[in-house]
Amino acid sequence: MNETLLFIHGIGSFLSWHRYFVWAFEEALRDECDYFEYQPDWNRGKYADALKTPLFDGSEASMPDNEAYASLRQT
């Protein structure tokens, strides 16, 4: 699966593949886990500047505090 994920991001059919992947993931959640909600969508207007999102704000839910993301932290 990891090789597929690395490969798929670099090809022209990524968007159609991703749409199918999300659909299949949600179907598996419904069929195997009895989960009938939808996955949240990215609020593009609220988080237009990706570096100012909660992913990098230093909160408990943000990216781990390690060297890979240290330069992106807004602390």
Foldseek 3Di string as FASTA:
>chain_A
DVVCVVVLVPDDCNVVVVVVVQVVVQVCCCPPVVDDDHDDDDPCVVCVPVLPDQQAAPDPPHDDPDPVCVVSHPD
